[in-house]
């Protein structure tokens, strides 16, 4: 917003990369 971007779309997603998730 500070640099003048007036619109965006936000989506909640799930995924993994190199960390391959974790254990809980």
PDBML (XML) file of the C-alpha atoms, coordinates in Angstrom:
<?xml version="1.0" encoding="UTF-8" ?>
<PDBx:datablock datablockName="MODEL"
   xmlns:PDBx="http://pdbml.pdb.org/schema/pdbx-v50.xsd"
   xmlns:xsi="http://www.w3.org/2001/XMLSchema-instance"
   xsi:schemaLocation="http://pdbml.pdb.org/schema/pdbx-v50.xsd pdbx-v50.xsd">
   <PDBx:atom_siteCategory>
      <PDBx:atom_site id="1">
         <PDBx:B_iso_or_equiv>0.00</PDBx:B_iso_or_equiv>
         <PDBx:Cartn_x>0.000</PDBx:Cartn_x>
         <PDBx:Cartn_y>0.000</PDBx:Cartn_y>
         <PDBx:Cartn_z>0.000</PDBx:Cartn_z>
         <PDBx:auth_asym_id>A</PDBx:auth_asym_id>
         <PDBx:auth_atom_id>CA</PDBx:auth_atom_id>
         <PDBx:auth_comp_id>UNK</PDBx:auth_comp_id>
         <PDBx:auth_seq_id>1</PDBx:auth_seq_id>
         <PDBx:group_PDB>ATOM</PDBx:group_PDB>
         <PDBx:label_alt_id xsi:nil="true" />
         <PDBx:label_asym_id>A</PDBx:label_asym_id>
         <PDBx:label_atom_id>CA</PDBx:label_atom_id>
         <PDBx:label_comp_id>UNK</PDBx:label_comp_id>
         <PDBx:label_entity_id>1</PDBx:label_entity_id>
         <PDBx:label_seq_id>1</PDBx:label_seq_id>
         <PDBx:occupancy>1.00</PDBx:occupancy>
         <PDBx:pdbx_PDB_model_num>1</PDBx:pdbx_PDB_model_num>
         <PDBx:type_symbol>C</PDBx:type_symbol>
      </PDBx:atom_site>
      <PDBx:atom_site id="2">
         <PDBx:B_iso_or_equiv>0.00</PDBx:B_iso_or_equiv>
         <PDBx:Cartn_x>2.865</PDBx:Cartn_x>
         <PDBx:Cartn_y>2.377</PDBx:Cartn_y>
         <PDBx:Cartn_z>0.830</PDBx:Cartn_z>
         <PDBx:auth_asym_id>A</PDBx:auth_asym_id>
         <PDBx:auth_atom_id>CA</PDBx:auth_atom_id>
         <PDBx:auth_comp_id>UNK</PDBx:auth_comp_id>
         <PDBx:auth_seq_id>2</PDBx:auth_seq_id>
         <PDBx:group_PDB>ATOM</PDBx:group_PDB>
         <PDBx:label_alt_id xsi:nil="true" />
         <PDBx:label_asym_id>A</PDBx:label_asym_id>
         <PDBx:label_atom_id>CA</PDBx:label_atom_id>
         <PDBx:label_comp_id>UNK</PDBx:label_comp_id>
         <PDBx:label_entity_id>1</PDBx:label_entity_id>
         <PDBx:label_seq_id>2</PDBx:label_seq_id>
         <PDBx:occupancy>1.00</PDBx:occupancy>
         <PDBx:pdbx_PDB_model_num>1</PDBx:pdbx_PDB_model_num>
         <PDBx:type_symbol>C</PDBx:type_symbol>
      </PDBx:atom_site>
      <PDBx:atom_site id="3">
         <PDBx:B_iso_or_equiv>0.00</PDBx:B_iso_or_equiv>
         <PDBx:Cartn_x>4.290</PDBx:Cartn_x>
         <PDBx:Cartn_y>2.028</PDBx:Cartn_y>
         <PDBx:Cartn_z>-2.693</PDBx:Cartn_z>
         <PDBx:auth_asym_id>A</PDBx:auth_asym_id>
         <PDBx:auth_atom_id>CA</PDBx:auth_atom_id>
         <PDBx:auth_comp_id>UNK</PDBx:auth_comp_id>
         <PDBx:auth_seq_id>3</PDBx:auth_seq_id>
         <PDBx:group_PDB>ATOM</PDBx:group_PDB>
         <PDBx:label_alt_id xsi:nil="true" />
         <PDBx:label_asym_id>A</PDBx:label_asym_id>
         <PDBx:label_atom_id>CA</PDBx:label_atom_id>
         <PDBx:label_comp_id>UNK</PDBx:label_comp_id>
         <PDBx:label_entity_id>1</PDBx:label_entity_id>
         <PDBx:label_seq_id>3</PDBx:label_seq_id>
         <PDBx:occupancy>1.00</PDBx:occupancy>
         <PDBx:pdbx_PDB_model_num>1</PDBx:pdbx_PDB_model_num>
         <PDBx:type_symbol>C</PDBx:type_symbol>
      </PDBx:atom_site>
      <PDBx:atom_site id="4">
         <PDBx:B_iso_or_equiv>0.00</PDBx:B_iso_or_equiv>
         <PDBx:Cartn_x>0.914</PDBx:Cartn_x>
         <PDBx:Cartn_y>2.555</PDBx:Cartn_y>
         <PDBx:Cartn_z>-4.352</PDBx:Cartn_z>
         <PDBx:auth_asym_id>A</PDBx:auth_asym_id>
         <PDBx:auth_atom_id>CA</PDBx:auth_atom_id>
         <PDBx:auth_comp_id>UNK</PDBx:auth_comp_id>
         <PDBx:auth_seq_id>4</PDBx:auth_seq_id>
         <PDBx:group_PDB>ATOM</PDBx:group_PDB>
         <PDBx:label_alt_id xsi:nil="true" />
         <PDBx:label_asym_id>A</PDBx:label_asym_id>
         <PDBx:label_atom_id>CA</PDBx:label_atom_id>
         <PDBx:label_comp_id>UNK</PDBx:label_comp_id>
         <PDBx:label_entity_id>1</PDBx:label_entity_id>
         <PDBx:label_seq_id>4</PDBx:label_seq_id>
         <PDBx:occupancy>1.00</PDBx:occupancy>
         <PDBx:pdbx_PDB_model_num>1</PDBx:pdbx_PDB_model_num>
         <PDBx:type_symbol>C</PDBx:type_symbol>
      </PDBx:atom_site>
      <PDBx:atom_site id="5">
         <PDBx:B_iso_or_equiv>0.00</PDBx:B_iso_or_equiv>
         <PDBx:Cartn_x>-0.421</PDBx:Cartn_x>
         <PDBx:Cartn_y>-0.946</PDBx:Cartn_y>
         <PDBx:Cartn_z>-5.020</PDBx:Cartn_z>
         <PDBx:auth_asym_id>A</PDBx:auth_asym_id>
         <PDBx:auth_atom_id>CA</PDBx:auth_atom_id>
         <PDBx:auth_comp_id>UNK</PDBx:auth_comp_id>
         <PDBx:auth_seq_id>5</PDBx:auth_seq_id>
         <PDBx:group_PDB>ATOM</PDBx:group_PDB>
         <PDBx:label_alt_id xsi:nil="true" />
         <PDBx:label_asym_id>A</PDBx:label_asym_id>
         <PDBx:label_atom_id>CA</PDBx:label_atom_id>
         <PDBx:label_comp_id>UNK</PDBx:label_comp_id>
         <PDBx:label_entity_id>1</PDBx:label_entity_id>
         <PDBx:label_seq_id>5</PDBx:label_seq_id>
         <PDBx:occupancy>1.00</PDBx:occupancy>
         <PDBx:pdbx_PDB_model_num>1</PDBx:pdbx_PDB_model_num>
         <PDBx:type_symbol>C</PDBx:type_symbol>
      </PDBx:atom_site>
      <PDBx:atom_site id="6">
         <PDBx:B_iso_or_equiv>0.00</PDBx:B_iso_or_equiv>
         <PDBx:Cartn_x>-4.193</PDBx:Cartn_x>
         <PDBx:Cartn_y>-0.476</PDBx:Cartn_y>
         <PDBx:Cartn_z>-5.018</PDBx:Cartn_z>
         <PDBx:auth_asym_id>A</PDBx:auth_asym_id>
         <PDBx:auth_atom_id>CA</PDBx:auth_atom_id>
         <PDBx:auth_comp_id>UNK</PDBx:auth_comp_id>
         <PDBx:auth_seq_id>6</PDBx:auth_seq_id>
         <PDBx:group_PDB>ATOM</PDBx:group_PDB>
         <PDBx:label_alt_id xsi:nil="true" />
         <PDBx:label_asym_id>A</PDBx:label_asym_id>
         <PDBx:label_atom_id>CA</PDBx:label_atom_id>
         <PDBx:label_comp_id>UNK</PDBx:label_comp_id>
         <PDBx:label_entity_id>1</PDBx:label_entity_id>
         <PDBx:label_seq_id>6</PDBx:label_seq_id>
         <PDBx:occupancy>1.00</PDBx:occupancy>
         <PDBx:pdbx_PDB_model_num>1</PDBx:pdbx_PDB_model_num>
         <PDBx:type_symbol>C</PDBx:type_symbol>
      </PDBx:atom_site>
      <PDBx:atom_site id="7">
         <PDBx:B_iso_or_equiv>0.00</PDBx:B_iso_or_equiv>
         <PDBx:Cartn_x>-5.473</PDBx:Cartn_x>
         <PDBx:Cartn_y>-4.022</PDBx:Cartn_y>
         <PDBx:Cartn_z>-5.345</PDBx:Cartn_z>
         <PDBx:auth_asym_id>A</PDBx:auth_asym_id>
         <PDBx:auth_atom_id>CA</PDBx:auth_atom_id>
         <PDBx:auth_comp_id>UNK</PDBx:auth_comp_id>
         <PDBx:auth_seq_id>7</PDBx:auth_seq_id>
         <PDBx:group_PDB>ATOM</PDBx:group_PDB>
         <PDBx:label_alt_id xsi:nil="true" />
         <PDBx:label_asym_id>A</PDBx:label_asym_id>
         <PDBx:label_atom_id>CA</PDBx:label_atom_id>
         <PDBx:label_comp_id>UNK</PDBx:label_comp_id>
         <PDBx:label_entity_id>1</PDBx:label_entity_id>
         <PDBx:label_seq_id>7</PDBx:label_seq_id>
         <PDBx:occupancy>1.00</PDBx:occupancy>
         <PDBx:pdbx_PDB_model_num>1</PDBx:pdbx_PDB_model_num>
         <PDBx:type_symbol>C</PDBx:type_symbol>
      </PDBx:atom_site>
      <PDBx:atom_site id="8">
         <PDBx:B_iso_or_equiv>0.00</PDBx:B_iso_or_equiv>
         <PDBx:Cartn_x>-4.527</PDBx:Cartn_x>
         <PDBx:Cartn_y>-7.601</PDBx:Cartn_y>
         <PDBx:Cartn_z>-4.693</PDBx:Cartn_z>
         <PDBx:auth_asym_id>A</PDBx:auth_asym_id>
         <PDBx:auth_atom_id>CA</PDBx:auth_atom_id>
         <PDBx:auth_comp_id>UNK</PDBx:auth_comp_id>
         <PDBx:auth_seq_id>8</PDBx:auth_seq_id>
         <PDBx:group_PDB>ATOM</PDBx:group_PDB>
         <PDBx:label_alt_id xsi:nil="true" />
         <PDBx:label_asym_id>A</PDBx:label_asym_id>
         <PDBx:label_atom_id>CA</PDBx:label_atom_id>
         <PDBx:label_comp_id>UNK</PDBx:label_comp_id>
         <PDBx:label_entity_id>1</PDBx:label_entity_id>
         <PDBx:label_seq_id>8</PDBx:label_seq_id>
         <PDBx:occupancy>1.00</PDBx:occupancy>
         <PDBx:pdbx_PDB_model_num>1</PDBx:pdbx_PDB_model_num>
         <PDBx:type_symbol>C</PDBx:type_symbol>
      </PDBx:atom_site>
      <PDBx:atom_site id="9">
         <PDBx:B_iso_or_equiv>0.00</PDBx:B_iso_or_equiv>
         <PDBx:Cartn_x>-6.124</PDBx:Cartn_x>
         <PDBx:Cartn_y>-11.001</PDBx:Cartn_y>
         <PDBx:Cartn_z>-4.216</PDBx:Cartn_z>
         <PDBx:auth_asym_id>A</PDBx:auth_asym_id>
         <PDBx:auth_atom_id>CA</PDBx:auth_atom_id>
         <PDBx:auth_comp_id>UNK</PDBx:auth_comp_id>
         <PDBx:auth_seq_id>9</PDBx:auth_seq_id>
         <PDBx:group_PDB>ATOM</PDBx:group_PDB>
         <PDBx:label_alt_id xsi:nil="true" />
         <PDBx:label_asym_id>A</PDBx:label_asym_id>
         <PDBx:label_atom_id>CA</PDBx:label_atom_id>
         <PDBx:label_comp_id>UNK</PDBx:label_comp_id>
         <PDBx:label_entity_id>1</PDBx:label_entity_id>
         <PDBx:label_seq_id>9</PDBx:label_seq_id>
         <PDBx:occupancy>1.00</PDBx:occupancy>
         <PDBx:pdbx_PDB_model_num>1</PDBx:pdbx_PDB_model_num>
         <PDBx:type_symbol>C</PDBx:type_symbol>
      </PDBx:atom_site>
      <PDBx:atom_site id="10">
         <PDBx:B_iso_or_equiv>0.00</PDBx:B_iso_or_equiv>
         <PDBx:Cartn_x>-5.359</PDBx:Cartn_x>
         <PDBx:Cartn_y>-13.157</PDBx:Cartn_y>
         <PDBx:Cartn_z>-1.179</PDBx:Cartn_z>
         <PDBx:auth_asym_id>A</PDBx:auth_asym_id>
         <PDBx:auth_atom_id>CA</PDBx:auth_atom_id>
         <PDBx:auth_comp_id>UNK</PDBx:auth_comp_id>
         <PDBx:auth_seq_id>10</PDBx:auth_seq_id>
         <PDBx:group_PDB>ATOM</PDBx:group_PDB>
         <PDBx:label_alt_id xsi:nil="true" />
         <PDBx:label_asym_id>A</PDBx:label_asym_id>
         <PDBx:label_atom_id>CA</PDBx:label_atom_id>
         <PDBx:label_comp_id>UNK</PDBx:label_comp_id>
         <PDBx:label_entity_id>1</PDBx:label_entity_id>
         <PDBx:label_seq_id>10</PDBx:label_seq_id>
         <PDBx:occupancy>1.00</PDBx:occupancy>
         <PDBx:pdbx_PDB_model_num>1</PDBx:pdbx_PDB_model_num>
         <PDBx:type_symbol>C</PDBx:type_symbol>
      </PDBx:atom_site>
      <PDBx:atom_site id="11">
         <PDBx:B_iso_or_equiv>0.00</PDBx:B_iso_or_equiv>
         <PDBx:Cartn_x>-6.034</PDBx:Cartn_x>
         <PDBx:Cartn_y>-16.883</PDBx:Cartn_y>
         <PDBx:Cartn_z>-0.902</PDBx:Cartn_z>
         <PDBx:auth_asym_id>A</PDBx:auth_asym_id>
         <PDBx:auth_atom_id>CA</PDBx:auth_atom_id>
         <PDBx:auth_comp_id>UNK</PDBx:auth_comp_id>
         <PDBx:auth_seq_id>11</PDBx:auth_seq_id>
         <PDBx:group_PDB>ATOM</PDBx:group_PDB>
         <PDBx:label_alt_id xsi:nil="true" />
         <PDBx:label_asym_id>A</PDBx:label_asym_id>
         <PDBx:label_atom_id>CA</PDBx:label_atom_id>
         <PDBx:label_comp_id>UNK</PDBx:label_comp_id>
         <PDBx:label_entity_id>1</PDBx:label_entity_id>
         <PDBx:label_seq_id>11</PDBx:label_seq_id>
         <PDBx:occupancy>1.00</PDBx:occupancy>
         <PDBx:pdbx_PDB_model_num>1</PDBx:pdbx_PDB_model_num>
         <PDBx:type_symbol>C</PDBx:type_symbol>
      </PDBx:atom_site>
      <PDBx:atom_site id="12">
         <PDBx:B_iso_or_equiv>0.00</PDBx:B_iso_or_equiv>
         <PDBx:Cartn_x>-5.359</PDBx:Cartn_x>
         <PDBx:Cartn_y>-19.270</PDBx:Cartn_y>
         <PDBx:Cartn_z>1.975</PDBx:Cartn_z>
         <PDBx:auth_asym_id>A</PDBx:auth_asym_id>
         <PDBx:auth_atom_id>CA</PDBx:auth_atom_id>
         <PDBx:auth_comp_id>UNK</PDBx:auth_comp_id>
         <PDBx:auth_seq_id>12</PDBx:auth_seq_id>
         <PDBx:group_PDB>ATOM</PDBx:group_PDB>
         <PDBx:label_alt_id xsi:nil="true" />
         <PDBx:label_asym_id>A</PDBx:label_asym_id>
         <PDBx:label_atom_id>CA</PDBx:label_atom_id>
         <PDBx:label_comp_id>UNK</PDBx:label_comp_id>
         <PDBx:label_entity_id>1</PDBx:label_entity_id>
         <PDBx:label_seq_id>12</PDBx:label_seq_id>
         <PDBx:occupancy>1.00</PDBx:occupancy>
         <PDBx:pdbx_PDB_model_num>1</PDBx:pdbx_PDB_model_num>
         <PDBx:type_symbol>C</PDBx:type_symbol>
      </PDBx:atom_site>
      <PDBx:atom_site id="13">
         <PDBx:B_iso_or_equiv>0.00</PDBx:B_iso_or_equiv>
         <PDBx:Cartn_x>-3.502</PDBx:Cartn_x>
         <PDBx:Cartn_y>-22.272</PDBx:Cartn_y>
         <PDBx:Cartn_z>0.551</PDBx:Cartn_z>
         <PDBx:auth_asym_id>A</PDBx:auth_asym_id>
         <PDBx:auth_atom_id>CA</PDBx:auth_atom_id>
         <PDBx:auth_comp_id>UNK</PDBx:auth_comp_id>
         <PDBx:auth_seq_id>13</PDBx:auth_seq_id>
         <PDBx:group_PDB>ATOM</PDBx:group_PDB>
         <PDBx:label_alt_id xsi:nil="true" />
         <PDBx:label_asym_id>A</PDBx:label_asym_id>
         <PDBx:label_atom_id>CA</PDBx:label_atom_id>
         <PDBx:label_comp_id>UNK</PDBx:label_comp_id>
         <PDBx:label_entity_id>1</PDBx:label_entity_id>
         <PDBx:label_seq_id>13</PDBx:label_seq_id>
         <PDBx:occupancy>1.00</PDBx:occupancy>
         <PDBx:pdbx_PDB_model_num>1</PDBx:pdbx_PDB_model_num>
         <PDBx:type_symbol>C</PDBx:type_symbol>
      </PDBx:atom_site>
      <PDBx:atom_site id="14">
         <PDBx:B_iso_or_equiv>0.00</PDBx:B_iso_or_equiv>
         <PDBx:Cartn_x>-1.541</PDBx:Cartn_x>
         <PDBx:Cartn_y>-25.279</PDBx:Cartn_y>
         <PDBx:Cartn_z>1.783</PDBx:Cartn_z>
         <PDBx:auth_asym_id>A</PDBx:auth_asym_id>
         <PDBx:auth_atom_id>CA</PDBx:auth_atom_id>
         <PDBx:auth_comp_id>UNK</PDBx:auth_comp_id>
         <PDBx:auth_seq_id>14</PDBx:auth_seq_id>
         <PDBx:group_PDB>ATOM</PDBx:group_PDB>
         <PDBx:label_alt_id xsi:nil="true" />
         <PDBx:label_asym_id>A</PDBx:label_asym_id>
         <PDBx:label_atom_id>CA</PDBx:label_atom_id>
         <PDBx:label_comp_id>UNK</PDBx:label_comp_id>
         <PDBx:label_entity_id>1</PDBx:label_entity_id>
         <PDBx:label_seq_id>14</PDBx:label_seq_id>
         <PDBx:occupancy>1.00</PDBx:occupancy>
         <PDBx:pdbx_PDB_model_num>1</PDBx:pdbx_PDB_model_num>
         <PDBx:type_symbol>C</PDBx:type_symbol>
      </PDBx:atom_site>
      <PDBx:atom_site id="15">
         <PDBx:B_iso_or_equiv>0.00</PDBx:B_iso_or_equiv>
         <PDBx:Cartn_x>1.653</PDBx:Cartn_x>
         <PDBx:Cartn_y>-26.701</PDBx:Cartn_y>
         <PDBx:Cartn_z>0.375</PDBx:Cartn_z>
         <PDBx:auth_asym_id>A</PDBx:auth_asym_id>
         <PDBx:auth_atom_id>CA</PDBx:auth_atom_id>
         <PDBx:auth_comp_id>UNK</PDBx:auth_comp_id>
         <PDBx:auth_seq_id>15</PDBx:auth_seq_id>
         <PDBx:group_PDB>ATOM</PDBx:group_PDB>
         <PDBx:label_alt_id xsi:nil="true" />
         <PDBx:label_asym_id>A</PDBx:label_asym_id>
         <PDBx:label_atom_id>CA</PDBx:label_atom_id>
         <PDBx:label_comp_id>UNK</PDBx:label_comp_id>
         <PDBx:label_entity_id>1</PDBx:label_entity_id>
         <PDBx:label_seq_id>15</PDBx:label_seq_id>
         <PDBx:occupancy>1.00</PDBx:occupancy>
         <PDBx:pdbx_PDB_model_num>1</PDBx:pdbx_PDB_model_num>
         <PDBx:type_symbol>C</PDBx:type_symbol>
      </PDBx:atom_site>
      <PDBx:atom_site id="16">
         <PDBx:B_iso_or_equiv>0.00</PDBx:B_iso_or_equiv>
         <PDBx:Cartn_x>5.210</PDBx:Cartn_x>
         <PDBx:Cartn_y>-27.741</PDBx:Cartn_y>
         <PDBx:Cartn_z>0.983</PDBx:Cartn_z>
         <PDBx:auth_asym_id>A</PDBx:auth_asym_id>
         <PDBx:auth_atom_id>CA</PDBx:auth_atom_id>
         <PDBx:auth_comp_id>UNK</PDBx:auth_comp_id>
         <PDBx:auth_seq_id>16</PDBx:auth_seq_id>
         <PDBx:group_PDB>ATOM</PDBx:group_PDB>
         <PDBx:label_alt_id xsi:nil="true" />
         <PDBx:label_asym_id>A</PDBx:label_asym_id>
         <PDBx:label_atom_id>CA</PDBx:label_atom_id>
         <PDBx:label_comp_id>UNK</PDBx:label_comp_id>
         <PDBx:label_entity_id>1</PDBx:label_entity_id>
         <PDBx:label_seq_id>16</PDBx:label_seq_id>
         <PDBx:occupancy>1.00</PDBx:occupancy>
         <PDBx:pdbx_PDB_model_num>1</PDBx:pdbx_PDB_model_num>
         <PDBx:type_symbol>C</PDBx:type_symbol>
      </PDBx:atom_site>
      <PDBx:atom_site id="17">
         <PDBx:B_iso_or_equiv>0.00</PDBx:B_iso_or_equiv>
         <PDBx:Cartn_x>8.624</PDBx:Cartn_x>
         <PDBx:Cartn_y>-27.101</PDBx:Cartn_y>
         <PDBx:Cartn_z>-0.458</PDBx:Cartn_z>
         <PDBx:auth_asym_id>A</PDBx:auth_asym_id>
         <PDBx:auth_atom_id>CA</PDBx:auth_atom_id>
         <PDBx:auth_comp_id>UNK</PDBx:auth_comp_id>
         <PDBx:auth_seq_id>17</PDBx:auth_seq_id>
         <PDBx:group_PDB>ATOM</PDBx:group_PDB>
         <PDBx:label_alt_id xsi:nil="true" />
         <PDBx:label_asym_id>A</PDBx:label_asym_id>
         <PDBx:label_atom_id>CA</PDBx:label_atom_id>
         <PDBx:label_comp_id>UNK</PDBx:label_comp_id>
         <PDBx:label_entity_id>1</PDBx:label_entity_id>
         <PDBx:label_seq_id>17</PDBx:label_seq_id>
         <PDBx:occupancy>1.00</PDBx:occupancy>
         <PDBx:pdbx_PDB_model_num>1</PDBx:pdbx_PDB_model_num>
         <PDBx:type_symbol>C</PDBx:type_symbol>
      </PDBx:atom_site>
      <PDBx:atom_site id="18">
         <PDBx:B_iso_or_equiv>0.00</PDBx:B_iso_or_equiv>
         <PDBx:Cartn_x>12.029</PDBx:Cartn_x>
         <PDBx:Cartn_y>-28.221</PDBx:Cartn_y>
         <PDBx:Cartn_z>0.661</PDBx:Cartn_z>
         <PDBx:auth_asym_id>A</PDBx:auth_asym_id>
         <PDBx:auth_atom_id>CA</PDBx:auth_atom_id>
         <PDBx:auth_comp_id>UNK</PDBx:auth_comp_id>
         <PDBx:auth_seq_id>18</PDBx:auth_seq_id>
         <PDBx:group_PDB>ATOM</PDBx:group_PDB>
         <PDBx:label_alt_id xsi:nil="true" />
         <PDBx:label_asym_id>A</PDBx:label_asym_id>
         <PDBx:label_atom_id>CA</PDBx:label_atom_id>
         <PDBx:label_comp_id>UNK</PDBx:label_comp_id>
         <PDBx:label_entity_id>1</PDBx:label_entity_id>
         <PDBx:label_seq_id>18</PDBx:label_seq_id>
         <PDBx:occupancy>1.00</PDBx:occupancy>
         <PDBx:pdbx_PDB_model_num>1</PDBx:pdbx_PDB_model_num>
         <PDBx:type_symbol>C</PDBx:type_symbol>
      </PDBx:atom_site>
      <PDBx:atom_site id="19">
         <PDBx:B_iso_or_equiv>0.00</PDBx:B_iso_or_equiv>
         <PDBx:Cartn_x>10.963</PDBx:Cartn_x>
         <PDBx:Cartn_y>-28.486</PDBx:Cartn_y>
         <PDBx:Cartn_z>4.294</PDBx:Cartn_z>
         <PDBx:auth_asym_id>A</PDBx:auth_asym_id>
         <PDBx:auth_atom_id>CA</PDBx:auth_atom_id>
         <PDBx:auth_comp_id>UNK</PDBx:auth_comp_id>
         <PDBx:auth_seq_id>19</PDBx:auth_seq_id>
         <PDBx:group_PDB>ATOM</PDBx:group_PDB>
         <PDBx:label_alt_id xsi:nil="true" />
         <PDBx:label_asym_id>A</PDBx:label_asym_id>
         <PDBx:label_atom_id>CA</PDBx:label_atom_id>
         <PDBx:label_comp_id>UNK</PDBx:label_comp_id>
         <PDBx:label_entity_id>1</PDBx:label_entity_id>
         <PDBx:label_seq_id>19</PDBx:label_seq_id>
         <PDBx:occupancy>1.00</PDBx:occupancy>
         <PDBx:pdbx_PDB_model_num>1</PDBx:pdbx_PDB_model_num>
         <PDBx:type_symbol>C</PDBx:type_symbol>
      </PDBx:atom_site>
      <PDBx:atom_site id="20">
         <PDBx:B_iso_or_equiv>0.00</PDBx:B_iso_or_equiv>
         <PDBx:Cartn_x>8.546</PDBx:Cartn_x>
         <PDBx:Cartn_y>-31.328</PDBx:Cartn_y>
         <PDBx:Cartn_z>3.373</PDBx:Cartn_z>
         <PDBx:auth_asym_id>A</PDBx:auth_asym_id>
         <PDBx:auth_atom_id>CA</PDBx:auth_atom_id>
         <PDBx:auth_comp_id>UNK</PDBx:auth_comp_id>
         <PDBx:auth_seq_id>20</PDBx:auth_seq_id>
         <PDBx:group_PDB>ATOM</PDBx:group_PDB>
         <PDBx:label_alt_id xsi:nil="true" />
         <PDBx:label_asym_id>A</PDBx:label_asym_id>
         <PDBx:label_atom_id>CA</PDBx:label_atom_id>
         <PDBx:label_comp_id>UNK</PDBx:label_comp_id>
         <PDBx:label_entity_id>1</PDBx:label_entity_id>
         <PDBx:label_seq_id>20</PDBx:label_seq_id>
         <PDBx:occupancy>1.00</PDBx:occupancy>
         <PDBx:pdbx_PDB_model_num>1</PDBx:pdbx_PDB_model_num>
         <PDBx:type_symbol>C</PDBx:type_symbol>
      </PDBx:atom_site>
      <PDBx:atom_site id="21">
         <PDBx:B_iso_or_equiv>0.00</PDBx:B_iso_or_equiv>
         <PDBx:Cartn_x>6.164</PDBx:Cartn_x>
         <PDBx:Cartn_y>-30.556</PDBx:Cartn_y>
         <PDBx:Cartn_z>6.234</PDBx:Cartn_z>
         <PDBx:auth_asym_id>A</PDBx:auth_asym_id>
         <PDBx:auth_atom_id>CA</PDBx:auth_atom_id>
         <PDBx:auth_comp_id>UNK</PDBx:auth_comp_id>
         <PDBx:auth_seq_id>21</PDBx:auth_seq_id>
         <PDBx:group_PDB>ATOM</PDBx:group_PDB>
         <PDBx:label_alt_id xsi:nil="true" />
         <PDBx:label_asym_id>A</PDBx:label_asym_id>
         <PDBx:label_atom_id>CA</PDBx:label_atom_id>
         <PDBx:label_comp_id>UNK</PDBx:label_comp_id>
         <PDBx:label_entity_id>1</PDBx:label_entity_id>
         <PDBx:label_seq_id>21</PDBx:label_seq_id>
         <PDBx:occupancy>1.00</PDBx:occupancy>
         <PDBx:pdbx_PDB_model_num>1</PDBx:pdbx_PDB_model_num>
         <PDBx:type_symbol>C</PDBx:type_symbol>
      </PDBx:atom_site>
      <PDBx:atom_site id="22">
         <PDBx:B_iso_or_equiv>0.00</PDBx:B_iso_or_equiv>
         <PDBx:Cartn_x>6.861</PDBx:Cartn_x>
         <PDBx:Cartn_y>-31.420</PDBx:Cartn_y>
         <PDBx:Cartn_z>9.846</PDBx:Cartn_z>
         <PDBx:auth_asym_id>A</PDBx:auth_asym_id>
         <PDBx:auth_atom_id>CA</PDBx:auth_atom_id>
         <PDBx:auth_comp_id>UNK</PDBx:auth_comp_id>
         <PDBx:auth_seq_id>22</PDBx:auth_seq_id>
         <PDBx:group_PDB>ATOM</PDBx:group_PDB>
         <PDBx:label_alt_id xsi:nil="true" />
         <PDBx:label_asym_id>A</PDBx:label_asym_id>
         <PDBx:label_atom_id>CA</PDBx:label_atom_id>
         <PDBx:label_comp_id>UNK</PDBx:label_comp_id>
         <PDBx:label_entity_id>1</PDBx:label_entity_id>
         <PDBx:label_seq_id>22</PDBx:label_seq_id>
         <PDBx:occupancy>1.00</PDBx:occupancy>
         <PDBx:pdbx_PDB_model_num>1</PDBx:pdbx_PDB_model_num>
         <PDBx:type_symbol>C</PDBx:type_symbol>
      </PDBx:atom_site>
      <PDBx:atom_site id="23">
         <PDBx:B_iso_or_equiv>0.00</PDBx:B_iso_or_equiv>
         <PDBx:Cartn_x>5.761</PDBx:Cartn_x>
         <PDBx:Cartn_y>-33.712</PDBx:Cartn_y>
         <PDBx:Cartn_z>12.686</PDBx:Cartn_z>
         <PDBx:auth_asym_id>A</PDBx:auth_asym_id>
         <PDBx:auth_atom_id>CA</PDBx:auth_atom_id>
         <PDBx:auth_comp_id>UNK</PDBx:auth_comp_id>
         <PDBx:auth_seq_id>23</PDBx:auth_seq_id>
         <PDBx:group_PDB>ATOM</PDBx:group_PDB>
         <PDBx:label_alt_id xsi:nil="true" />
         <PDBx:label_asym_id>A</PDBx:label_asym_id>
         <PDBx:label_atom_id>CA</PDBx:label_atom_id>
         <PDBx:label_comp_id>UNK</PDBx:label_comp_id>
         <PDBx:label_entity_id>1</PDBx:label_entity_id>
         <PDBx:label_seq_id>23</PDBx:label_seq_id>
         <PDBx:occupancy>1.00</PDBx:occupancy>
         <PDBx:pdbx_PDB_model_num>1</PDBx:pdbx_PDB_model_num>
         <PDBx:type_symbol>C</PDBx:type_symbol>
      </PDBx:atom_site>
      <PDBx:atom_site id="24">
         <PDBx:B_iso_or_equiv>0.00</PDBx:B_iso_or_equiv>
         <PDBx:Cartn_x>3.509</PDBx:Cartn_x>
         <PDBx:Cartn_y>-32.683</PDBx:Cartn_y>
         <PDBx:Cartn_z>15.555</PDBx:Cartn_z>
         <PDBx:auth_asym_id>A</PDBx:auth_asym_id>
         <PDBx:auth_atom_id>CA</PDBx:auth_atom_id>
         <PDBx:auth_comp_id>UNK</PDBx:auth_comp_id>
         <PDBx:auth_seq_id>24</PDBx:auth_seq_id>
         <PDBx:group_PDB>ATOM</PDBx:group_PDB>
         <PDBx:label_alt_id xsi:nil="true" />
         <PDBx:label_asym_id>A</PDBx:label_asym_id>
         <PDBx:label_atom_id>CA</PDBx:label_atom_id>
         <PDBx:label_comp_id>UNK</PDBx:label_comp_id>
         <PDBx:label_entity_id>1</PDBx:label_entity_id>
         <PDBx:label_seq_id>24</PDBx:label_seq_id>
         <PDBx:occupancy>1.00</PDBx:occupancy>
         <PDBx:pdbx_PDB_model_num>1</PDBx:pdbx_PDB_model_num>
         <PDBx:type_symbol>C</PDBx:type_symbol>
      </PDBx:atom_site>
   </PDBx:atom_siteCategory>
</PDBx:datablock>
